[in-house]
């Protein structure tokens, strides 16, 4: 986990719990990621309006893990539960994943995150 003071860890956890009261702890974080989606018609990645700090967390209810990007660009955060429908592929320095709605998504600076959950 990136080095955060105890106070910063507690503030981050409290902020996450405002959106999901079942979050119990932060497993890891990275300070800057950007979210891209794959556009099959254009056969290219397109940057979304989501970028910011990524938190990987544990929950006390199912699903027991998830991750969120706390968006610095607007009020819409990305929230993804980690469940059987989530698929990951590591293509350094990117982590690609596909969720239940079959969206292919890429986040930069994610190499370390693949070993957490």
C-alpha atoms as a PDB file:
ATOM      1  CA  UNK A   1       0.000   0.000   0.000  1.00  0.00           C
ATOM      2  CA  UNK A   2       1.203   3.495  -0.698  1.00  0.00           C
ATOM      3  CA  UNK A   3       2.467   5.160   2.426  1.00  0.00           C
ATOM      4  CA  UNK A   4      -0.337   6.991   4.182  1.00  0.00           C
ATOM      5  CA  UNK A   5      -0.331   8.290   7.693  1.00  0.00           C
ATOM      6  CA  UNK A   6      -2.712   6.639  10.138  1.00  0.00           C
ATOM      7  CA  UNK A   7      -4.937   9.732   9.977  1.00  0.00           C
ATOM      8  CA  UNK A   8      -5.013   9.617   6.148  1.00  0.00           C
ATOM      9  CA  UNK A   9      -5.894   5.907   6.226  1.00  0.00           C
ATOM     10  CA  UNK A  10      -8.746   6.546   8.659  1.00  0.00           C
ATOM     11  CA  UNK A  11     -10.047   9.488   6.595  1.00  0.00           C
ATOM     12  CA  UNK A  12      -9.956   7.443   3.385  1.00  0.00           C
ATOM     13  CA  UNK A  13     -11.742   4.526   5.045  1.00  0.00           C
ATOM     14  CA  UNK A  14     -14.398   6.839   6.496  1.00  0.00           C
ATOM     15  CA  UNK A  15     -14.974   8.412   3.069  1.00  0.00           C
ATOM     16  CA  UNK A  16     -15.356   4.997   1.431  1.00  0.00           C
ATOM     17  CA  UNK A  17     -17.761   3.860   4.165  1.00  0.00           C
ATOM     18  CA  UNK A  18     -20.045   6.795   3.339  1.00  0.00           C
ATOM     19  CA  UNK A  19     -20.693   5.105  -0.010  1.00  0.00           C
ATOM     20  CA  UNK A  20     -20.607   1.507   1.270  1.00  0.00           C
ATOM     21  CA  UNK A  21     -21.047   0.880   5.021  1.00  0.00           C
ATOM     22  CA  UNK A  22     -19.925  -2.763   4.594  1.00  0.00           C
ATOM     23  CA  UNK A  23     -16.333  -1.779   3.775  1.00  0.00           C
ATOM     24  CA  UNK A  24     -14.115  -2.935   6.640  1.00  0.00           C
ATOM     25  CA  UNK A  25     -10.594  -2.104   5.475  1.00  0.00           C
ATOM     26  CA  UNK A  26      -8.470  -0.866   2.606  1.00  0.00           C
ATOM     27  CA  UNK A  27      -6.348  -3.672   1.150  1.00  0.00           C
ATOM     28  CA  UNK A  28      -4.330  -1.432  -1.161  1.00  0.00           C
ATOM     29  CA  UNK A  29      -4.424   1.808  -3.086  1.00  0.00           C
ATOM     30  CA  UNK A  30      -2.638   3.657  -5.822  1.00  0.00           C
ATOM     31  CA  UNK A  31      -2.624   7.406  -6.152  1.00  0.00           C
ATOM     32  CA  UNK A  32      -3.378   7.851  -9.830  1.00  0.00           C
ATOM     33  CA  UNK A  33      -5.188   5.692 -12.357  1.00  0.00           C
ATOM     34  CA  UNK A  34      -7.177   6.535 -15.462  1.00  0.00           C
ATOM     35  CA  UNK A  35     -10.037   4.442 -16.787  1.00  0.00           C
ATOM     36  CA  UNK A  36     -10.342   3.515 -20.467  1.00  0.00           C
ATOM     37  CA  UNK A  37     -13.021   1.501 -22.253  1.00  0.00           C
ATOM     38  CA  UNK A  38     -12.554  -0.508 -25.421  1.00  0.00           C
ATOM     39  CA  UNK A  39     -14.569   0.570 -28.455  1.00  0.00           C
ATOM     40  CA  UNK A  40     -14.847  -2.470 -30.772  1.00  0.00           C
ATOM     41  CA  UNK A  41     -16.165  -0.447 -33.740  1.00  0.00           C
ATOM     42  CA  UNK A  42     -13.087   1.782 -33.728  1.00  0.00           C
ATOM     43  CA  UNK A  43     -10.864  -1.046 -32.419  1.00  0.00           C
ATOM     44  CA  UNK A  44      -9.250   1.290 -29.929  1.00  0.00           C
ATOM     45  CA  UNK A  45      -9.227   2.317 -26.284  1.00  0.00           C
ATOM     46  CA  UNK A  46     -11.077   5.495 -25.334  1.00  0.00           C
ATOM     47  CA  UNK A  47     -10.333   7.478 -22.202  1.00  0.00           C
ATOM     48  CA  UNK A  48     -13.313   7.984 -19.914  1.00  0.00           C
ATOM     49  CA  UNK A  49     -13.991  10.875 -17.562  1.00  0.00           C
ATOM     50  CA  UNK A  50     -12.896   8.791 -14.573  1.00  0.00           C
ATOM     51  CA  UNK A  51      -9.440   9.157 -13.061  1.00  0.00           C
ATOM     52  CA  UNK A  52      -8.132   9.430  -9.551  1.00  0.00           C
ATOM     53  CA  UNK A  53      -7.158   7.299  -6.588  1.00  0.00           C
ATOM     54  CA  UNK A  54      -7.935   3.594  -6.777  1.00  0.00           C
ATOM     55  CA  UNK A  55      -8.827   1.754  -3.568  1.00  0.00           C
ATOM     56  CA  UNK A  56      -9.032  -2.031  -3.250  1.00  0.00           C
ATOM     57  CA  UNK A  57     -11.066  -2.897  -0.171  1.00  0.00           C
ATOM     58  CA  UNK A  58     -12.498  -5.687   1.958  1.00  0.00           C
ATOM     59  CA  UNK A  59     -16.187  -5.911   2.897  1.00  0.00           C
ATOM     60  CA  UNK A  60     -18.066  -7.662   5.693  1.00  0.00           C
ATOM     61  CA  UNK A  61     -20.838  -8.777   3.296  1.00  0.00           C
ATOM     62  CA  UNK A  62     -20.835 -10.472  -0.088  1.00  0.00           C
ATOM     63  CA  UNK A  63     -19.095  -9.646  -2.342  1.00  0.00           C
ATOM     64  CA  UNK A  64     -16.213  -9.595   0.127  1.00  0.00           C
ATOM     65  CA  UNK A  65     -13.865  -7.500  -2.015  1.00  0.00           C
ATOM     66  CA  UNK A  66     -14.241  -4.588  -4.376  1.00  0.00           C
ATOM     67  CA  UNK A  67     -12.467  -1.629  -5.817  1.00  0.00           C
ATOM     68  CA  UNK A  68     -13.336   1.956  -6.541  1.00  0.00           C
ATOM     69  CA  UNK A  69     -11.753   4.868  -8.334  1.00  0.00           C
ATOM     70  CA  UNK A  70     -12.487   8.054  -6.416  1.00  0.00           C
ATOM     71  CA  UNK A  71     -12.884  10.391  -9.363  1.00  0.00           C
ATOM     72  CA  UNK A  72     -11.033  13.707  -9.399  1.00  0.00           C
ATOM     73  CA  UNK A  73     -12.743  14.921 -12.575  1.00  0.00           C
ATOM     74  CA  UNK A  74     -16.379  14.821 -11.450  1.00  0.00           C
ATOM     75  CA  UNK A  75     -18.714  13.301  -8.857  1.00  0.00           C
ATOM     76  CA  UNK A  76     -19.089   9.910 -10.602  1.00  0.00           C
ATOM     77  CA  UNK A  77     -16.831   7.289  -9.026  1.00  0.00           C
ATOM     78  CA  UNK A  78     -16.236   3.844 -10.466  1.00  0.00           C
ATOM     79  CA  UNK A  79     -17.311   1.038  -8.118  1.00  0.00           C
ATOM     80  CA  UNK A  80     -16.709  -2.604  -9.037  1.00  0.00           C
ATOM     81  CA  UNK A  81     -17.464  -5.604  -6.834  1.00  0.00           C
ATOM     82  CA  UNK A  82     -14.962  -8.427  -7.175  1.00  0.00           C
ATOM     83  CA  UNK A  83     -17.033 -11.493  -8.019  1.00  0.00           C
ATOM     84  CA  UNK A  84     -17.040 -14.517 -10.318  1.00  0.00           C
ATOM     85  CA  UNK A  85     -18.101 -12.378 -13.295  1.00  0.00           C
ATOM     86  CA  UNK A  86     -14.974 -10.204 -13.178  1.00  0.00           C
ATOM     87  CA  UNK A  87     -12.065 -11.241 -15.407  1.00  0.00           C
ATOM     88  CA  UNK A  88      -8.554  -9.745 -15.219  1.00  0.00           C
ATOM     89  CA  UNK A  89      -5.590  -9.711 -17.609  1.00  0.00           C
ATOM     90  CA  UNK A  90      -2.272  -8.062 -16.843  1.00  0.00           C
ATOM     91  CA  UNK A  91      -0.584  -6.277 -19.750  1.00  0.00           C
ATOM     92  CA  UNK A  92       1.994  -4.159 -17.944  1.00  0.00           C
ATOM     93  CA  UNK A  93       1.652  -1.377 -17.061  1.00  0.00           C
ATOM     94  CA  UNK A  94      -2.089  -1.876 -17.608  1.00  0.00           C
ATOM     95  CA  UNK A  95      -4.607  -4.074 -15.869  1.00  0.00           C
ATOM     96  CA  UNK A  96      -7.476  -5.005 -18.166  1.00  0.00           C
ATOM     97  CA  UNK A  97     -10.723  -6.320 -16.817  1.00  0.00           C
ATOM     98  CA  UNK A  98     -14.111  -7.341 -18.096  1.00  0.00           C
ATOM     99  CA  UNK A  99     -17.167  -7.089 -15.896  1.00  0.00           C
ATOM    100  CA  UNK A 100     -20.573  -8.788 -16.045  1.00  0.00           C
ATOM    101  CA  UNK A 101     -21.836  -6.332 -18.668  1.00  0.00           C
ATOM    102  CA  UNK A 102     -18.878  -7.406 -20.862  1.00  0.00           C
ATOM    103  CA  UNK A 103     -17.197  -4.017 -20.753  1.00  0.00           C
ATOM    104  CA  UNK A 104     -13.458  -4.177 -21.338  1.00  0.00           C
ATOM    105  CA  UNK A 105     -11.768  -1.661 -19.130  1.00  0.00           C
ATOM    106  CA  UNK A 106      -8.143  -0.659 -18.728  1.00  0.00           C
ATOM    107  CA  UNK A 107      -6.527   1.112 -15.805  1.00  0.00           C
ATOM    108  CA  UNK A 108      -2.918   2.268 -15.814  1.00  0.00           C
ATOM    109  CA  UNK A 109      -0.391   1.836 -12.992  1.00  0.00           C
ATOM    110  CA  UNK A 110      -2.057  -1.312 -11.736  1.00  0.00           C
ATOM    111  CA  UNK A 111       0.669  -3.965 -11.762  1.00  0.00           C
ATOM    112  CA  UNK A 112       0.873  -4.234  -7.964  1.00  0.00           C
ATOM    113  CA  UNK A 113      -2.902  -4.538  -7.579  1.00  0.00           C
ATOM    114  CA  UNK A 114      -3.129  -7.907  -9.278  1.00  0.00           C
ATOM    115  CA  UNK A 115      -1.825  -9.821  -6.280  1.00  0.00           C
ATOM    116  CA  UNK A 116      -4.076  -8.354  -3.606  1.00  0.00           C
ATOM    117  CA  UNK A 117      -7.525  -9.897  -3.729  1.00  0.00           C
END
